């Protein structure tokens, strides 16, 4: 682990100018802070401006030539585990998340990952299902306790996500499972 308290990067996948994911990310960060054994940091993919994957070498080589990739590698390497906050776009996750994953390899390997998905009637669950084979390629350890948010448009009011009891309990279970996977003490 990178320090005495495991570091979790909460990665916001949506990079749209107008997005509901930011309100969900604020809520996820507030929930994460209740898990005293974890150090959490929000990582917004919009802030990293990754171009479409264009490195000349395979990511498994670790021979990165682009500054954006080197910076992304350093950021991801800081984390002991992750939570991906993802919308569902046409039964899948956004290209921004696929691109961010594809830029690297070893930096993801063996680390636990939780999921917060959002969408319409399916609550973003199809995005998570589409992510699982990719996660498996990186030998990441998916946390099966997930937060799924249906009808997200109605759940975000004035820029604030109004979680129900189901989402609160799911977040508690997900962060507890992440802490357990990383050997962190939790309350």
N, C-alpha and C. Protein backbone atom coordinates (compact mmCIF):
# COMPACT_ATOMS: atom_id res chain seq x y z
N UNK A 1 0.83 -1.18 0.00
CA UNK A 1 0.00 0.00 0.00
C UNK A 1 0.87 1.24 0.00
N UNK A 2 0.33 2.31 -0.54
CA UNK A 2 1.13 3.50 -0.75
C UNK A 2 1.41 4.29 0.52
N UNK A 3 0.66 4.12 1.58
CA UNK A 3 0.88 4.81 2.84
C UNK A 3 0.11 4.07 3.92
N UNK A 4 0.08 4.62 5.15
CA UNK A 4 -0.58 3.92 6.23
C UNK A 4 -2.07 3.73 5.99
N UNK A 5 -2.71 4.69 5.34
CA UNK A 5 -4.12 4.53 4.98
C UNK A 5 -4.20 4.27 3.48
N UNK A 6 -4.89 3.20 3.09
CA UNK A 6 -5.00 2.93 1.65
C UNK A 6 -5.63 4.11 0.90
N UNK A 7 -5.11 4.36 -0.28
CA UNK A 7 -5.59 5.45 -1.12
C UNK A 7 -6.57 4.90 -2.15
N UNK A 8 -7.76 5.47 -2.17
CA UNK A 8 -8.77 5.13 -3.16
C UNK A 8 -8.97 6.33 -4.07
N UNK A 9 -8.84 6.10 -5.37
CA UNK A 9 -9.18 7.14 -6.33
C UNK A 9 -10.61 6.90 -6.79
N UNK A 10 -11.44 7.89 -6.60
CA UNK A 10 -12.81 7.87 -7.10
C UNK A 10 -12.76 8.53 -8.47
N UNK A 11 -12.89 7.73 -9.52
CA UNK A 11 -12.71 8.23 -10.88
C UNK A 11 -14.06 8.54 -11.51
N UNK A 12 -14.26 9.81 -11.84
CA UNK A 12 -15.47 10.27 -12.50
C UNK A 12 -15.28 10.12 -14.00
N UNK A 13 -16.08 9.24 -14.62
CA UNK A 13 -15.88 8.88 -16.02
C UNK A 13 -16.48 9.86 -17.01
N UNK A 14 -17.57 10.50 -16.67
CA UNK A 14 -18.22 11.41 -17.61
C UNK A 14 -17.39 12.68 -17.77
N UNK A 15 -17.16 13.06 -19.01
CA UNK A 15 -16.40 14.28 -19.29
C UNK A 15 -17.26 15.34 -19.98
N UNK A 16 -18.55 15.11 -20.02
CA UNK A 16 -19.46 16.04 -20.68
C UNK A 16 -19.46 17.40 -19.99
N UNK A 17 -19.72 18.44 -20.78
CA UNK A 17 -19.78 19.79 -20.21
C UNK A 17 -20.92 19.89 -19.19
N UNK A 18 -22.07 19.38 -19.53
CA UNK A 18 -23.21 19.34 -18.61
C UNK A 18 -23.39 17.88 -18.23
N UNK A 19 -23.25 17.57 -16.96
CA UNK A 19 -23.29 16.17 -16.52
C UNK A 19 -23.85 16.06 -15.12
N UNK A 20 -24.49 14.93 -14.86
CA UNK A 20 -25.02 14.64 -13.54
C UNK A 20 -23.97 13.96 -12.67
N UNK A 21 -22.95 13.43 -13.30
CA UNK A 21 -21.91 12.70 -12.57
C UNK A 21 -21.21 13.51 -11.51
N UNK A 22 -21.07 14.81 -11.71
CA UNK A 22 -20.38 15.65 -10.71
C UNK A 22 -21.15 15.67 -9.40
N UNK A 23 -22.48 15.74 -9.48
CA UNK A 23 -23.29 15.72 -8.25
C UNK A 23 -23.17 14.37 -7.56
N UNK A 24 -23.13 13.31 -8.34
CA UNK A 24 -22.96 11.97 -7.77
C UNK A 24 -21.58 11.84 -7.15
N UNK A 25 -20.57 12.39 -7.81
CA UNK A 25 -19.20 12.33 -7.27
C UNK A 25 -19.11 13.05 -5.93
N UNK A 26 -19.78 14.19 -5.82
CA UNK A 26 -19.78 14.91 -4.53
C UNK A 26 -20.37 14.02 -3.44
N UNK A 27 -21.46 13.36 -3.75
CA UNK A 27 -22.11 12.47 -2.77
C UNK A 27 -21.21 11.28 -2.44
N UNK A 28 -20.60 10.67 -3.46
CA UNK A 28 -19.72 9.52 -3.23
C UNK A 28 -18.55 9.92 -2.33
N UNK A 29 -17.97 11.09 -2.57
CA UNK A 29 -16.86 11.54 -1.74
C UNK A 29 -17.31 11.74 -0.29
N UNK A 30 -18.50 12.29 -0.09
CA UNK A 30 -19.01 12.46 1.28
C UNK A 30 -19.21 11.11 1.94
N UNK A 31 -19.72 10.13 1.19
CA UNK A 31 -19.90 8.78 1.74
C UNK A 31 -18.54 8.16 2.06
N UNK A 32 -17.58 8.35 1.18
CA UNK A 32 -16.25 7.75 1.37
C UNK A 32 -15.57 8.29 2.62
N UNK A 33 -15.80 9.54 2.93
CA UNK A 33 -15.16 10.14 4.11
C UNK A 33 -15.63 9.50 5.41
N UNK A 34 -16.76 8.82 5.39
CA UNK A 34 -17.24 8.14 6.60
C UNK A 34 -16.46 6.85 6.86
N UNK A 35 -15.70 6.40 5.89
CA UNK A 35 -14.86 5.21 6.04
C UNK A 35 -13.48 5.67 6.49
N UNK A 36 -13.27 5.71 7.79
CA UNK A 36 -12.07 6.33 8.35
C UNK A 36 -10.78 5.61 7.99
N UNK A 37 -10.86 4.37 7.54
CA UNK A 37 -9.64 3.65 7.20
C UNK A 37 -9.15 3.90 5.80
N UNK A 38 -9.84 4.75 5.04
CA UNK A 38 -9.47 4.99 3.66
C UNK A 38 -9.16 6.46 3.41
N UNK A 39 -8.18 6.71 2.58
CA UNK A 39 -7.91 8.06 2.10
C UNK A 39 -8.47 8.12 0.68
N UNK A 40 -9.35 9.07 0.41
CA UNK A 40 -10.01 9.12 -0.90
C UNK A 40 -9.68 10.42 -1.62
N UNK A 41 -9.57 10.30 -2.93
CA UNK A 41 -9.30 11.47 -3.78
C UNK A 41 -10.17 11.35 -5.02
N UNK A 42 -10.83 12.45 -5.37
CA UNK A 42 -11.61 12.49 -6.60
C UNK A 42 -10.67 12.73 -7.77
N UNK A 43 -10.78 11.89 -8.79
CA UNK A 43 -10.01 12.04 -10.02
C UNK A 43 -11.03 12.17 -11.15
N UNK A 44 -11.13 13.38 -11.68
CA UNK A 44 -12.09 13.69 -12.73
C UNK A 44 -11.38 13.53 -14.08
N UNK A 45 -11.85 12.61 -14.90
CA UNK A 45 -11.19 12.39 -16.19
C UNK A 45 -11.18 13.66 -17.05
N UNK A 46 -12.14 14.52 -16.84
CA UNK A 46 -12.18 15.77 -17.60
C UNK A 46 -10.96 16.63 -17.32
N UNK A 47 -10.37 16.50 -16.14
CA UNK A 47 -9.20 17.29 -15.78
C UNK A 47 -7.90 16.75 -16.38
N UNK A 48 -7.94 15.56 -16.95
CA UNK A 48 -6.71 14.94 -17.44
C UNK A 48 -6.53 15.02 -18.95
N UNK A 49 -7.52 15.38 -19.68
CA UNK A 49 -7.42 15.63 -21.13
C UNK A 49 -6.61 14.57 -21.86
N UNK A 50 -6.91 13.32 -21.61
CA UNK A 50 -6.20 12.25 -22.31
C UNK A 50 -6.63 12.21 -23.77
N UNK A 51 -5.67 12.23 -24.70
CA UNK A 51 -6.05 12.08 -26.11
C UNK A 51 -6.48 10.63 -26.34
N UNK A 52 -7.08 10.36 -27.48
CA UNK A 52 -7.33 8.96 -27.80
C UNK A 52 -5.99 8.23 -27.75
N UNK A 53 -6.01 7.02 -27.26
CA UNK A 53 -4.77 6.27 -27.05
C UNK A 53 -3.90 6.32 -28.30
N UNK A 54 -2.68 6.81 -28.14
CA UNK A 54 -1.79 6.97 -29.29
C UNK A 54 -0.32 6.70 -28.96
N UNK A 55 -0.07 5.95 -27.90
CA UNK A 55 1.31 5.61 -27.56
C UNK A 55 1.87 4.63 -28.60
N UNK A 56 3.16 4.74 -28.94
CA UNK A 56 3.73 3.83 -29.93
C UNK A 56 3.98 2.42 -29.39
N UNK A 57 4.05 2.26 -28.07
CA UNK A 57 4.33 0.96 -27.47
C UNK A 57 3.10 0.46 -26.72
N UNK A 58 3.03 -0.85 -26.60
CA UNK A 58 1.93 -1.44 -25.83
C UNK A 58 2.04 -0.98 -24.38
N UNK A 59 0.92 -0.69 -23.71
CA UNK A 59 0.98 -0.22 -22.33
C UNK A 59 1.69 -1.19 -21.38
N UNK A 60 1.65 -2.49 -21.67
CA UNK A 60 2.33 -3.45 -20.79
C UNK A 60 3.83 -3.22 -20.73
N UNK A 61 4.37 -2.56 -21.75
CA UNK A 61 5.82 -2.29 -21.75
C UNK A 61 6.19 -1.21 -20.74
N UNK A 62 5.23 -0.34 -20.41
CA UNK A 62 5.52 0.77 -19.51
C UNK A 62 6.38 1.85 -20.14
N UNK A 63 6.63 1.75 -21.44
CA UNK A 63 7.46 2.73 -22.16
C UNK A 63 6.56 3.83 -22.72
N UNK A 64 6.22 4.76 -21.86
CA UNK A 64 5.33 5.84 -22.28
C UNK A 64 6.15 6.99 -22.85
N UNK A 65 5.69 7.54 -23.96
CA UNK A 65 6.41 8.64 -24.60
C UNK A 65 5.67 9.97 -24.47
N UNK A 66 4.39 9.94 -24.27
CA UNK A 66 3.57 11.15 -24.20
C UNK A 66 3.49 11.65 -22.76
N UNK A 67 3.62 12.95 -22.57
CA UNK A 67 3.54 13.52 -21.22
C UNK A 67 2.20 13.23 -20.57
N UNK A 68 1.13 13.28 -21.38
CA UNK A 68 -0.19 13.01 -20.81
C UNK A 68 -0.26 11.60 -20.24
N UNK A 69 0.35 10.65 -20.92
CA UNK A 69 0.35 9.27 -20.44
C UNK A 69 1.24 9.13 -19.21
N UNK A 70 2.39 9.76 -19.22
CA UNK A 70 3.28 9.71 -18.05
C UNK A 70 2.59 10.29 -16.82
N UNK A 71 1.91 11.42 -17.00
CA UNK A 71 1.19 12.04 -15.89
C UNK A 71 0.04 11.15 -15.41
N UNK A 72 -0.68 10.55 -16.35
CA UNK A 72 -1.79 9.66 -15.99
C UNK A 72 -1.26 8.43 -15.26
N UNK A 73 -0.16 7.90 -15.72
CA UNK A 73 0.47 6.75 -15.06
C UNK A 73 0.84 7.08 -13.61
N UNK A 74 1.43 8.24 -13.42
CA UNK A 74 1.82 8.65 -12.06
C UNK A 74 0.60 8.80 -11.17
N UNK A 75 -0.46 9.38 -11.69
CA UNK A 75 -1.68 9.59 -10.90
C UNK A 75 -2.30 8.24 -10.52
N UNK A 76 -2.47 7.35 -11.47
CA UNK A 76 -3.09 6.05 -11.20
C UNK A 76 -2.22 5.22 -10.26
N UNK A 77 -0.91 5.33 -10.39
CA UNK A 77 0.01 4.58 -9.54
C UNK A 77 -0.10 4.96 -8.07
N UNK A 78 -0.59 6.16 -7.78
CA UNK A 78 -0.76 6.60 -6.39
C UNK A 78 -1.81 5.79 -5.65
N UNK A 79 -2.73 5.19 -6.38
CA UNK A 79 -3.90 4.55 -5.76
C UNK A 79 -3.66 3.09 -5.45
N UNK A 80 -4.28 2.67 -4.33
CA UNK A 80 -4.30 1.25 -3.95
C UNK A 80 -5.57 0.58 -4.44
N UNK A 81 -6.57 1.37 -4.77
CA UNK A 81 -7.85 0.86 -5.26
C UNK A 81 -8.64 2.00 -5.87
N UNK A 82 -9.78 1.64 -6.46
CA UNK A 82 -10.56 2.61 -7.22
C UNK A 82 -12.05 2.44 -7.00
N UNK A 83 -12.77 3.51 -7.27
CA UNK A 83 -14.21 3.47 -7.47
C UNK A 83 -14.45 4.19 -8.79
N UNK A 84 -15.09 3.51 -9.72
CA UNK A 84 -15.44 4.13 -11.00
C UNK A 84 -16.89 4.61 -10.92
N UNK A 85 -17.09 5.90 -11.15
CA UNK A 85 -18.43 6.47 -11.25
C UNK A 85 -18.73 6.58 -12.74
N UNK A 86 -19.69 5.80 -13.21
CA UNK A 86 -19.94 5.76 -14.64
C UNK A 86 -21.41 5.87 -15.00
N UNK A 87 -21.69 6.70 -16.01
CA UNK A 87 -23.03 6.68 -16.57
C UNK A 87 -23.15 5.49 -17.52
N UNK A 88 -24.36 5.21 -17.92
CA UNK A 88 -24.58 4.20 -18.96
C UNK A 88 -24.92 4.92 -20.26
N UNK A 89 -24.11 4.67 -21.28
CA UNK A 89 -24.36 5.22 -22.61
C UNK A 89 -24.63 4.04 -23.54
N UNK A 90 -25.84 3.89 -24.02
CA UNK A 90 -26.17 2.85 -24.99
C UNK A 90 -25.70 1.47 -24.56
N UNK A 91 -26.06 1.08 -23.36
CA UNK A 91 -25.76 -0.23 -22.78
C UNK A 91 -24.28 -0.41 -22.47
N UNK A 92 -23.53 0.66 -22.35
CA UNK A 92 -22.09 0.53 -22.07
C UNK A 92 -21.63 1.75 -21.27
N UNK A 93 -20.34 1.80 -21.04
CA UNK A 93 -19.73 2.91 -20.30
C UNK A 93 -19.12 3.89 -21.29
N UNK A 94 -18.79 5.10 -20.86
CA UNK A 94 -18.29 6.11 -21.79
C UNK A 94 -16.90 5.79 -22.35
N UNK A 95 -16.68 6.27 -23.55
CA UNK A 95 -15.38 6.09 -24.21
C UNK A 95 -14.25 6.71 -23.40
N UNK A 96 -14.54 7.76 -22.66
CA UNK A 96 -13.51 8.40 -21.84
C UNK A 96 -12.93 7.43 -20.82
N UNK A 97 -13.76 6.57 -20.25
CA UNK A 97 -13.27 5.59 -19.28
C UNK A 97 -12.47 4.49 -19.97
N UNK A 98 -12.96 4.01 -21.10
CA UNK A 98 -12.22 2.98 -21.85
C UNK A 98 -10.85 3.51 -22.25
N UNK A 99 -10.81 4.73 -22.73
CA UNK A 99 -9.55 5.35 -23.13
C UNK A 99 -8.59 5.49 -21.95
N UNK A 100 -9.12 5.92 -20.81
CA UNK A 100 -8.28 6.07 -19.61
C UNK A 100 -7.72 4.73 -19.16
N UNK A 101 -8.53 3.70 -19.23
CA UNK A 101 -8.07 2.36 -18.88
C UNK A 101 -7.01 1.87 -19.86
N UNK A 102 -7.26 2.04 -21.15
CA UNK A 102 -6.37 1.51 -22.19
C UNK A 102 -5.00 2.17 -22.23
N UNK A 103 -4.87 3.37 -21.70
CA UNK A 103 -3.57 4.04 -21.70
C UNK A 103 -2.53 3.31 -20.85
N UNK A 104 -2.98 2.53 -19.87
CA UNK A 104 -2.06 1.93 -18.89
C UNK A 104 -2.27 0.43 -18.80
N UNK A 105 -1.45 -0.22 -17.99
CA UNK A 105 -1.63 -1.65 -17.76
C UNK A 105 -1.27 -1.99 -16.32
N UNK A 106 0.01 -2.06 -16.01
CA UNK A 106 0.46 -2.49 -14.68
C UNK A 106 -0.09 -1.62 -13.57
N UNK A 107 -0.36 -0.37 -13.87
CA UNK A 107 -0.85 0.57 -12.85
C UNK A 107 -2.22 0.14 -12.30
N UNK A 108 -2.99 -0.60 -13.09
CA UNK A 108 -4.31 -1.09 -12.66
C UNK A 108 -4.23 -2.45 -12.00
N UNK A 109 -3.23 -3.20 -12.32
CA UNK A 109 -3.17 -4.64 -12.01
C UNK A 109 -3.30 -4.97 -10.53
N UNK A 110 -4.19 -5.91 -10.25
CA UNK A 110 -4.35 -6.45 -8.92
C UNK A 110 -5.08 -5.57 -7.93
N UNK A 111 -5.52 -4.41 -8.34
CA UNK A 111 -6.15 -3.47 -7.41
C UNK A 111 -7.67 -3.66 -7.39
N UNK A 112 -8.26 -3.52 -6.20
CA UNK A 112 -9.72 -3.64 -6.12
C UNK A 112 -10.40 -2.42 -6.72
N UNK A 113 -11.60 -2.66 -7.25
CA UNK A 113 -12.37 -1.57 -7.86
C UNK A 113 -13.85 -1.74 -7.53
N UNK A 114 -14.45 -0.64 -7.08
CA UNK A 114 -15.88 -0.59 -6.84
C UNK A 114 -16.54 0.22 -7.94
N UNK A 115 -17.86 0.12 -8.01
CA UNK A 115 -18.60 0.78 -9.09
C UNK A 115 -19.79 1.55 -8.55
N UNK A 116 -19.94 2.76 -9.06
CA UNK A 116 -21.15 3.55 -8.85
C UNK A 116 -21.67 3.84 -10.26
N UNK A 117 -22.82 3.29 -10.58
CA UNK A 117 -23.37 3.47 -11.92
C UNK A 117 -24.69 4.21 -11.85
N UNK A 118 -24.98 4.93 -12.91
CA UNK A 118 -26.23 5.68 -12.95
C UNK A 118 -26.77 5.73 -14.37
N UNK A 119 -28.08 5.86 -14.44
CA UNK A 119 -28.74 5.91 -15.73
C UNK A 119 -30.24 6.00 -15.55
N UNK A 120 -30.95 5.36 -16.46
CA UNK A 120 -32.41 5.34 -16.42
C UNK A 120 -32.90 4.14 -15.65
N UNK A 121 -33.79 3.39 -16.28
CA UNK A 121 -34.41 2.26 -15.60
C UNK A 121 -33.40 1.20 -15.17
N UNK A 122 -32.33 1.01 -15.92
CA UNK A 122 -31.33 -0.02 -15.60
C UNK A 122 -30.27 0.47 -14.62
N UNK A 123 -30.33 1.72 -14.23
CA UNK A 123 -29.44 2.28 -13.20
C UNK A 123 -27.96 2.19 -13.54
N UNK A 124 -27.65 2.11 -14.83
CA UNK A 124 -26.25 2.02 -15.23
C UNK A 124 -25.63 0.65 -15.07
N UNK A 125 -26.41 -0.34 -14.70
CA UNK A 125 -25.86 -1.68 -14.45
C UNK A 125 -25.26 -2.31 -15.70
N UNK A 126 -25.79 -1.97 -16.87
CA UNK A 126 -25.23 -2.53 -18.11
C UNK A 126 -23.85 -1.96 -18.39
N UNK A 127 -23.59 -0.74 -17.93
CA UNK A 127 -22.25 -0.16 -18.06
C UNK A 127 -21.26 -0.97 -17.23
N UNK A 128 -21.65 -1.33 -16.02
CA UNK A 128 -20.76 -2.13 -15.16
C UNK A 128 -20.55 -3.50 -15.78
N UNK A 129 -21.60 -4.12 -16.27
CA UNK A 129 -21.46 -5.44 -16.91
C UNK A 129 -20.50 -5.37 -18.10
N UNK A 130 -20.55 -4.29 -18.86
CA UNK A 130 -19.64 -4.12 -19.99
C UNK A 130 -18.21 -3.88 -19.53
N UNK A 131 -18.05 -3.31 -18.34
CA UNK A 131 -16.71 -3.04 -17.80
C UNK A 131 -16.02 -4.30 -17.26
N UNK A 132 -16.78 -5.25 -16.79
CA UNK A 132 -16.18 -6.40 -16.10
C UNK A 132 -15.15 -7.17 -16.93
N UNK A 133 -15.38 -7.44 -18.23
CA UNK A 133 -14.32 -8.12 -18.99
C UNK A 133 -13.04 -7.30 -19.11
N UNK A 134 -13.18 -5.99 -19.19
CA UNK A 134 -12.00 -5.11 -19.27
C UNK A 134 -11.24 -5.15 -17.95
N UNK A 135 -11.98 -5.08 -16.85
CA UNK A 135 -11.38 -5.15 -15.52
C UNK A 135 -10.63 -6.48 -15.36
N UNK A 136 -11.22 -7.55 -15.87
CA UNK A 136 -10.58 -8.86 -15.78
C UNK A 136 -9.25 -8.88 -16.53
N UNK A 137 -9.19 -8.20 -17.66
CA UNK A 137 -7.93 -8.15 -18.43
C UNK A 137 -6.79 -7.53 -17.63
N UNK A 138 -7.13 -6.59 -16.77
CA UNK A 138 -6.13 -5.93 -15.94
C UNK A 138 -5.90 -6.66 -14.62
N UNK A 139 -6.57 -7.78 -14.45
CA UNK A 139 -6.49 -8.56 -13.21
C UNK A 139 -6.87 -7.72 -12.00
N UNK A 140 -7.78 -6.77 -12.23
CA UNK A 140 -8.32 -5.99 -11.11
C UNK A 140 -9.30 -6.87 -10.36
N UNK A 141 -9.60 -6.47 -9.14
CA UNK A 141 -10.49 -7.25 -8.28
C UNK A 141 -11.80 -6.48 -8.09
N UNK A 142 -12.84 -6.84 -8.85
CA UNK A 142 -14.09 -6.10 -8.72
C UNK A 142 -14.78 -6.35 -7.39
N UNK A 143 -15.24 -5.29 -6.78
CA UNK A 143 -16.04 -5.36 -5.56
C UNK A 143 -17.49 -5.49 -6.02
N UNK A 144 -18.14 -6.55 -5.62
CA UNK A 144 -19.47 -6.80 -6.14
C UNK A 144 -20.56 -5.99 -5.43
N UNK A 145 -20.26 -5.40 -4.28
CA UNK A 145 -21.21 -4.49 -3.65
C UNK A 145 -21.11 -3.17 -4.42
N UNK A 146 -22.16 -2.84 -5.15
CA UNK A 146 -22.15 -1.67 -6.03
C UNK A 146 -23.24 -0.70 -5.63
N UNK A 147 -23.07 0.53 -6.09
CA UNK A 147 -24.12 1.54 -5.96
C UNK A 147 -24.71 1.73 -7.35
N UNK A 148 -26.00 1.49 -7.47
CA UNK A 148 -26.70 1.66 -8.75
C UNK A 148 -27.79 2.70 -8.57
N UNK A 149 -27.81 3.69 -9.45
CA UNK A 149 -28.72 4.82 -9.31
C UNK A 149 -29.66 4.88 -10.51
N UNK A 150 -30.92 4.46 -10.33
CA UNK A 150 -31.89 4.53 -11.43
C UNK A 150 -32.49 5.93 -11.54
N UNK A 151 -33.01 6.25 -12.72
CA UNK A 151 -33.72 7.51 -12.95
C UNK A 151 -32.95 8.69 -12.35
N UNK A 152 -31.69 8.76 -12.71
CA UNK A 152 -30.78 9.73 -12.11
C UNK A 152 -31.23 11.18 -12.32
N UNK A 153 -31.88 11.46 -13.44
CA UNK A 153 -32.33 12.82 -13.69
C UNK A 153 -33.28 13.35 -12.62
N UNK A 154 -34.08 12.46 -12.08
CA UNK A 154 -35.01 12.86 -11.01
C UNK A 154 -34.33 12.89 -9.64
N UNK A 155 -33.18 12.24 -9.53
CA UNK A 155 -32.49 12.15 -8.24
C UNK A 155 -31.51 13.30 -8.01
N UNK A 156 -31.20 14.05 -9.05
CA UNK A 156 -30.32 15.21 -8.91
C UNK A 156 -31.19 16.46 -8.99
N UNK A 157 -31.25 17.18 -7.88
CA UNK A 157 -32.09 18.38 -7.78
C UNK A 157 -31.19 19.56 -7.44
N UNK A 158 -31.23 20.58 -8.29
CA UNK A 158 -30.40 21.78 -8.08
C UNK A 158 -28.93 21.42 -7.88
N UNK A 159 -28.45 20.47 -8.67
CA UNK A 159 -27.04 20.09 -8.63
C UNK A 159 -26.63 19.21 -7.48
N UNK A 160 -27.61 18.71 -6.71
CA UNK A 160 -27.31 17.85 -5.56
C UNK A 160 -27.99 16.50 -5.75
N UNK A 161 -27.22 15.43 -5.59
CA UNK A 161 -27.79 14.09 -5.68
C UNK A 161 -28.52 13.76 -4.38
N UNK A 162 -29.76 13.40 -4.50
CA UNK A 162 -30.60 13.02 -3.35
C UNK A 162 -30.65 11.50 -3.28
N UNK A 163 -29.76 10.93 -2.52
CA UNK A 163 -29.67 9.47 -2.41
C UNK A 163 -30.80 8.92 -1.58
N UNK A 164 -31.24 7.73 -1.95
CA UNK A 164 -32.19 7.00 -1.14
C UNK A 164 -31.45 6.10 -0.17
N UNK A 165 -32.19 5.49 0.73
CA UNK A 165 -31.59 4.57 1.71
C UNK A 165 -30.83 3.44 1.02
N UNK A 166 -31.36 2.97 -0.10
CA UNK A 166 -30.72 1.87 -0.82
C UNK A 166 -29.32 2.27 -1.27
N UNK A 167 -29.17 3.47 -1.81
CA UNK A 167 -27.85 3.93 -2.27
C UNK A 167 -26.91 4.15 -1.09
N UNK A 168 -27.41 4.70 0.00
CA UNK A 168 -26.56 4.93 1.18
C UNK A 168 -26.04 3.60 1.71
N UNK A 169 -26.91 2.62 1.85
CA UNK A 169 -26.49 1.31 2.35
C UNK A 169 -25.53 0.63 1.38
N UNK A 170 -25.79 0.78 0.08
CA UNK A 170 -24.90 0.19 -0.92
C UNK A 170 -23.51 0.82 -0.87
N UNK A 171 -23.45 2.14 -0.69
CA UNK A 171 -22.16 2.83 -0.59
C UNK A 171 -21.40 2.37 0.65
N UNK A 172 -22.09 2.24 1.76
CA UNK A 172 -21.45 1.75 2.98
C UNK A 172 -20.87 0.36 2.76
N UNK A 173 -21.64 -0.51 2.13
CA UNK A 173 -21.17 -1.88 1.86
C UNK A 173 -19.99 -1.89 0.90
N UNK A 174 -20.06 -1.05 -0.14
CA UNK A 174 -18.98 -1.01 -1.12
C UNK A 174 -17.68 -0.52 -0.49
N UNK A 175 -17.74 0.57 0.27
CA UNK A 175 -16.51 1.09 0.89
C UNK A 175 -15.98 0.15 1.96
N UNK A 176 -16.88 -0.52 2.69
CA UNK A 176 -16.42 -1.51 3.67
C UNK A 176 -15.71 -2.66 2.96
N UNK A 177 -16.25 -3.10 1.82
CA UNK A 177 -15.61 -4.19 1.07
C UNK A 177 -14.27 -3.74 0.49
N UNK A 178 -14.19 -2.51 0.01
CA UNK A 178 -12.90 -1.98 -0.46
C UNK A 178 -11.89 -1.94 0.67
N UNK A 179 -12.32 -1.44 1.82
CA UNK A 179 -11.43 -1.40 2.98
C UNK A 179 -10.96 -2.79 3.38
N UNK A 180 -11.86 -3.75 3.37
CA UNK A 180 -11.50 -5.12 3.71
C UNK A 180 -10.52 -5.69 2.69
N UNK A 181 -10.76 -5.43 1.42
CA UNK A 181 -9.86 -5.92 0.37
C UNK A 181 -8.46 -5.34 0.52
N UNK A 182 -8.38 -4.15 1.09
CA UNK A 182 -7.09 -3.48 1.27
C UNK A 182 -6.54 -3.61 2.68
N UNK A 183 -7.25 -4.32 3.53
CA UNK A 183 -6.78 -4.51 4.90
C UNK A 183 -6.88 -3.28 5.77
N UNK A 184 -7.81 -2.37 5.44
CA UNK A 184 -7.96 -1.13 6.20
C UNK A 184 -8.92 -1.34 7.36
N UNK A 185 -8.65 -0.63 8.44
CA UNK A 185 -9.57 -0.62 9.57
C UNK A 185 -10.73 0.29 9.24
N UNK A 186 -11.93 -0.10 9.60
CA UNK A 186 -13.09 0.77 9.39
C UNK A 186 -13.96 0.74 10.62
N UNK A 187 -14.77 1.77 10.75
CA UNK A 187 -15.68 1.86 11.91
C UNK A 187 -16.91 1.01 11.67
